[in-house]
N, C-alpha and C. Protein backbone atom coordinates (compact mmCIF):
# COMPACT_ATOMS: atom_id res chain seq x y z
N MET A 1 98.68 50.89 -249.55
CA MET A 1 99.61 50.09 -248.80
C MET A 1 99.86 50.80 -247.48
N GLU A 2 100.05 50.02 -246.44
CA GLU A 2 100.25 50.62 -245.12
C GLU A 2 101.12 49.70 -244.27
N ASP A 3 101.92 50.31 -243.42
CA ASP A 3 102.72 49.51 -242.49
C ASP A 3 102.71 50.17 -241.12
N ALA A 4 103.18 49.45 -240.15
CA ALA A 4 103.30 49.97 -238.78
C ALA A 4 104.77 50.03 -238.40
N GLY A 5 105.62 50.38 -239.36
CA GLY A 5 107.06 50.46 -239.13
C GLY A 5 107.44 51.71 -238.35
N LYS A 6 108.67 52.15 -238.55
CA LYS A 6 109.17 53.28 -237.76
C LYS A 6 108.79 54.63 -238.35
N GLY A 7 108.19 54.67 -239.53
CA GLY A 7 107.80 55.94 -240.15
C GLY A 7 108.99 56.66 -240.74
N MET A 8 108.72 57.83 -241.35
CA MET A 8 109.76 58.59 -242.04
C MET A 8 109.72 60.06 -241.64
N SER A 9 110.88 60.66 -241.61
CA SER A 9 110.98 62.09 -241.34
C SER A 9 110.46 62.86 -242.55
N PRO A 10 110.08 64.12 -242.36
CA PRO A 10 109.65 64.94 -243.49
C PRO A 10 110.74 65.06 -244.56
N GLU A 11 112.00 65.08 -244.17
CA GLU A 11 113.11 65.18 -245.13
C GLU A 11 113.18 63.95 -246.03
N VAL A 12 112.97 62.78 -245.45
CA VAL A 12 112.97 61.55 -246.24
C VAL A 12 111.75 61.52 -247.16
N GLN A 13 110.60 61.93 -246.65
CA GLN A 13 109.38 61.93 -247.47
C GLN A 13 109.53 62.82 -248.70
N GLU A 14 110.25 63.93 -248.57
CA GLU A 14 110.43 64.83 -249.71
C GLU A 14 111.22 64.18 -250.84
N ARG A 15 112.09 63.24 -250.53
CA ARG A 15 112.97 62.62 -251.54
C ARG A 15 112.55 61.20 -251.91
N LEU A 16 111.52 60.71 -251.30
CA LEU A 16 111.13 59.31 -251.37
C LEU A 16 110.99 58.74 -252.78
N PHE A 17 110.49 59.53 -253.71
CA PHE A 17 110.23 59.02 -255.06
C PHE A 17 111.37 59.34 -256.03
N GLU A 18 112.48 59.87 -255.54
CA GLU A 18 113.64 60.16 -256.40
C GLU A 18 114.35 58.85 -256.75
N PRO A 19 114.73 58.69 -258.03
CA PRO A 19 115.49 57.49 -258.39
C PRO A 19 116.79 57.39 -257.60
N VAL A 20 117.15 56.22 -257.20
CA VAL A 20 118.33 55.82 -256.43
C VAL A 20 118.42 56.43 -255.02
N PHE A 21 117.36 57.06 -254.53
CA PHE A 21 117.37 57.53 -253.15
C PHE A 21 117.08 56.35 -252.22
N THR A 22 117.89 56.16 -251.22
CA THR A 22 117.66 55.11 -250.23
C THR A 22 118.17 55.58 -248.88
N THR A 23 117.58 55.05 -247.84
CA THR A 23 118.06 55.34 -246.49
C THR A 23 118.88 54.17 -245.96
N LYS A 24 119.02 53.12 -246.78
CA LYS A 24 119.77 51.94 -246.37
C LYS A 24 121.27 52.16 -246.56
N PRO A 25 122.08 51.40 -245.84
CA PRO A 25 123.53 51.49 -246.01
C PRO A 25 123.96 51.11 -247.43
N ILE A 26 125.12 51.58 -247.85
CA ILE A 26 125.65 51.28 -249.18
C ILE A 26 125.67 49.77 -249.39
N GLY A 27 125.17 49.36 -250.56
CA GLY A 27 125.15 47.95 -250.91
C GLY A 27 123.93 47.19 -250.44
N GLN A 28 123.03 47.84 -249.70
CA GLN A 28 121.84 47.15 -249.18
C GLN A 28 120.54 47.63 -249.78
N GLY A 29 120.59 48.59 -250.67
CA GLY A 29 119.37 49.06 -251.30
C GLY A 29 119.69 49.85 -252.55
N THR A 30 118.88 49.65 -253.59
CA THR A 30 119.13 50.36 -254.84
C THR A 30 118.39 51.69 -254.91
N GLY A 31 117.31 51.82 -254.14
CA GLY A 31 116.53 53.04 -254.18
C GLY A 31 115.71 53.17 -255.45
N LEU A 32 115.38 52.06 -256.08
CA LEU A 32 114.63 52.11 -257.33
C LEU A 32 113.17 51.71 -257.18
N GLY A 33 112.81 51.05 -256.11
CA GLY A 33 111.46 50.52 -255.95
C GLY A 33 110.35 51.55 -256.01
N LEU A 34 110.39 52.55 -255.14
CA LEU A 34 109.32 53.53 -255.10
C LEU A 34 109.35 54.46 -256.30
N SER A 35 110.52 54.82 -256.79
CA SER A 35 110.58 55.69 -257.97
C SER A 35 110.03 54.96 -259.19
N THR A 36 110.32 53.68 -259.32
CA THR A 36 109.79 52.88 -260.43
C THR A 36 108.28 52.74 -260.31
N SER A 37 107.80 52.44 -259.12
CA SER A 37 106.36 52.32 -258.90
C SER A 37 105.65 53.63 -259.23
N TYR A 38 106.22 54.74 -258.76
CA TYR A 38 105.62 56.05 -259.01
C TYR A 38 105.54 56.33 -260.51
N ARG A 39 106.64 56.05 -261.23
CA ARG A 39 106.68 56.29 -262.68
C ARG A 39 105.63 55.44 -263.41
N ILE A 40 105.51 54.18 -263.05
CA ILE A 40 104.54 53.30 -263.70
C ILE A 40 103.11 53.77 -263.43
N VAL A 41 102.81 54.07 -262.17
CA VAL A 41 101.45 54.50 -261.83
C VAL A 41 101.12 55.83 -262.52
N LEU A 42 102.07 56.77 -262.54
CA LEU A 42 101.83 58.08 -263.14
C LEU A 42 101.82 58.01 -264.66
N GLN A 43 102.89 57.50 -265.26
CA GLN A 43 103.03 57.53 -266.72
C GLN A 43 102.15 56.51 -267.43
N GLU A 44 102.10 55.31 -266.93
CA GLU A 44 101.37 54.25 -267.63
C GLU A 44 99.88 54.26 -267.34
N HIS A 45 99.49 54.76 -266.17
CA HIS A 45 98.09 54.67 -265.78
C HIS A 45 97.44 56.01 -265.47
N GLY A 46 98.21 57.09 -265.51
CA GLY A 46 97.64 58.41 -265.24
C GLY A 46 97.19 58.59 -263.81
N GLY A 47 97.76 57.82 -262.90
CA GLY A 47 97.37 57.90 -261.51
C GLY A 47 98.40 58.63 -260.67
N GLY A 48 98.45 58.28 -259.40
CA GLY A 48 99.40 58.92 -258.50
C GLY A 48 99.59 58.10 -257.23
N ILE A 49 100.69 58.35 -256.56
CA ILE A 49 100.98 57.74 -255.27
C ILE A 49 101.32 58.86 -254.30
N GLN A 50 100.73 58.81 -253.13
CA GLN A 50 101.02 59.78 -252.09
C GLN A 50 101.69 59.05 -250.94
N VAL A 51 102.27 59.80 -250.04
CA VAL A 51 102.83 59.20 -248.83
C VAL A 51 102.34 60.00 -247.62
N HIS A 52 101.91 59.25 -246.62
CA HIS A 52 101.53 59.82 -245.34
C HIS A 52 102.31 59.03 -244.30
N SER A 53 103.20 59.69 -243.60
CA SER A 53 104.05 58.97 -242.66
C SER A 53 104.30 59.81 -241.43
N GLN A 54 104.40 59.12 -240.32
CA GLN A 54 104.72 59.78 -239.05
C GLN A 54 105.76 58.93 -238.34
N GLU A 55 106.84 59.56 -237.95
CA GLU A 55 107.91 58.83 -237.27
C GLU A 55 107.35 58.17 -236.01
N GLY A 56 107.73 56.91 -235.83
CA GLY A 56 107.29 56.15 -234.67
C GLY A 56 105.90 55.54 -234.82
N VAL A 57 105.22 55.83 -235.94
CA VAL A 57 103.85 55.33 -236.13
C VAL A 57 103.76 54.41 -237.34
N GLY A 58 104.32 54.82 -238.47
CA GLY A 58 104.24 54.02 -239.68
C GLY A 58 103.97 54.89 -240.89
N SER A 59 103.73 54.23 -242.01
CA SER A 59 103.54 54.94 -243.28
C SER A 59 102.35 54.37 -244.03
N ARG A 60 101.71 55.22 -244.82
CA ARG A 60 100.59 54.81 -245.66
C ARG A 60 100.83 55.40 -247.04
N PHE A 61 100.63 54.59 -248.07
CA PHE A 61 100.82 55.01 -249.46
C PHE A 61 99.54 54.80 -250.24
N PRO A 62 98.66 55.81 -250.30
CA PRO A 62 97.48 55.67 -251.15
C PRO A 62 97.89 55.66 -252.63
N VAL A 63 97.39 54.70 -253.39
CA VAL A 63 97.67 54.58 -254.81
C VAL A 63 96.36 54.83 -255.54
N ASN A 64 96.38 55.80 -256.47
CA ASN A 64 95.19 56.14 -257.23
C ASN A 64 95.43 55.86 -258.70
N ILE A 65 94.56 55.03 -259.29
CA ILE A 65 94.63 54.71 -260.71
C ILE A 65 93.24 54.92 -261.28
N PRO A 66 93.10 55.81 -262.29
CA PRO A 66 91.78 56.06 -262.87
C PRO A 66 91.20 54.78 -263.48
N LEU A 67 89.91 54.56 -263.29
CA LEU A 67 89.25 53.39 -263.85
C LEU A 67 88.83 53.62 -265.29
N ILE A 68 88.67 54.86 -265.69
CA ILE A 68 88.22 55.20 -267.04
C ILE A 68 89.37 55.90 -267.74
N ALA A 69 89.81 55.36 -268.88
CA ALA A 69 90.96 55.91 -269.59
C ALA A 69 90.77 57.38 -269.93
N ALA A 70 89.56 57.81 -270.21
CA ALA A 70 89.31 59.20 -270.57
C ALA A 70 89.66 60.16 -269.44
N LEU A 71 89.67 59.67 -268.21
CA LEU A 71 89.99 60.53 -267.07
C LEU A 71 91.49 60.66 -266.84
N ALA A 72 92.27 59.77 -267.45
CA ALA A 72 93.72 59.80 -267.27
C ALA A 72 94.30 60.97 -268.05
N PRO A 73 95.34 61.64 -267.50
CA PRO A 73 95.95 62.75 -268.23
C PRO A 73 96.64 62.25 -269.49
N SER A 74 96.76 63.13 -270.46
CA SER A 74 97.43 62.76 -271.70
C SER A 74 98.91 62.53 -271.46
N SER A 75 99.53 61.83 -272.38
CA SER A 75 100.97 61.58 -272.30
C SER A 75 101.74 62.89 -272.22
N ALA A 76 101.32 63.89 -272.99
CA ALA A 76 102.01 65.19 -272.99
C ALA A 76 101.89 65.86 -271.62
N ALA A 77 100.73 65.73 -270.97
CA ALA A 77 100.54 66.34 -269.66
C ALA A 77 101.44 65.67 -268.62
N VAL A 78 101.57 64.35 -268.70
CA VAL A 78 102.44 63.62 -267.78
C VAL A 78 103.88 64.03 -268.01
N GLN A 79 104.32 64.10 -269.27
CA GLN A 79 105.69 64.48 -269.57
C GLN A 79 105.97 65.90 -269.09
N SER A 80 105.00 66.78 -269.25
CA SER A 80 105.17 68.16 -268.79
C SER A 80 105.33 68.19 -267.27
N HIS A 81 104.52 67.39 -266.57
CA HIS A 81 104.60 67.31 -265.12
C HIS A 81 105.97 66.82 -264.67
N LEU A 82 106.53 65.89 -265.43
CA LEU A 82 107.83 65.32 -265.08
C LEU A 82 108.99 66.15 -265.59
N GLY A 83 108.71 67.20 -266.39
CA GLY A 83 109.75 68.04 -266.92
C GLY A 83 110.46 67.42 -268.11
N ALA A 84 109.84 66.40 -268.71
CA ALA A 84 110.44 65.72 -269.86
C ALA A 84 109.96 66.36 -271.16
N PRO A 85 110.79 66.33 -272.19
CA PRO A 85 110.34 66.86 -273.48
C PRO A 85 109.26 65.97 -274.08
N PRO A 86 108.29 66.54 -274.80
CA PRO A 86 107.21 65.72 -275.39
C PRO A 86 107.70 64.80 -276.47
């Protein structure tokens, strides 16, 4: 996914996938969209989402999903990566 919007600062990029993080004013954003997408792509499909953004230029979000289930990390590996108990 890619846009030609205003881009994001490095500080925003660091927090982008945190649940309930938003740069919108109170009441105008839940901050759940990217964190939910990241969780689904990582946990359900063994893939990943990256962010490449430059202020004043726009943002790009490469989404990687393995085509072969054998290449996807195990559930335990994903939980370990997320710091969750197995």
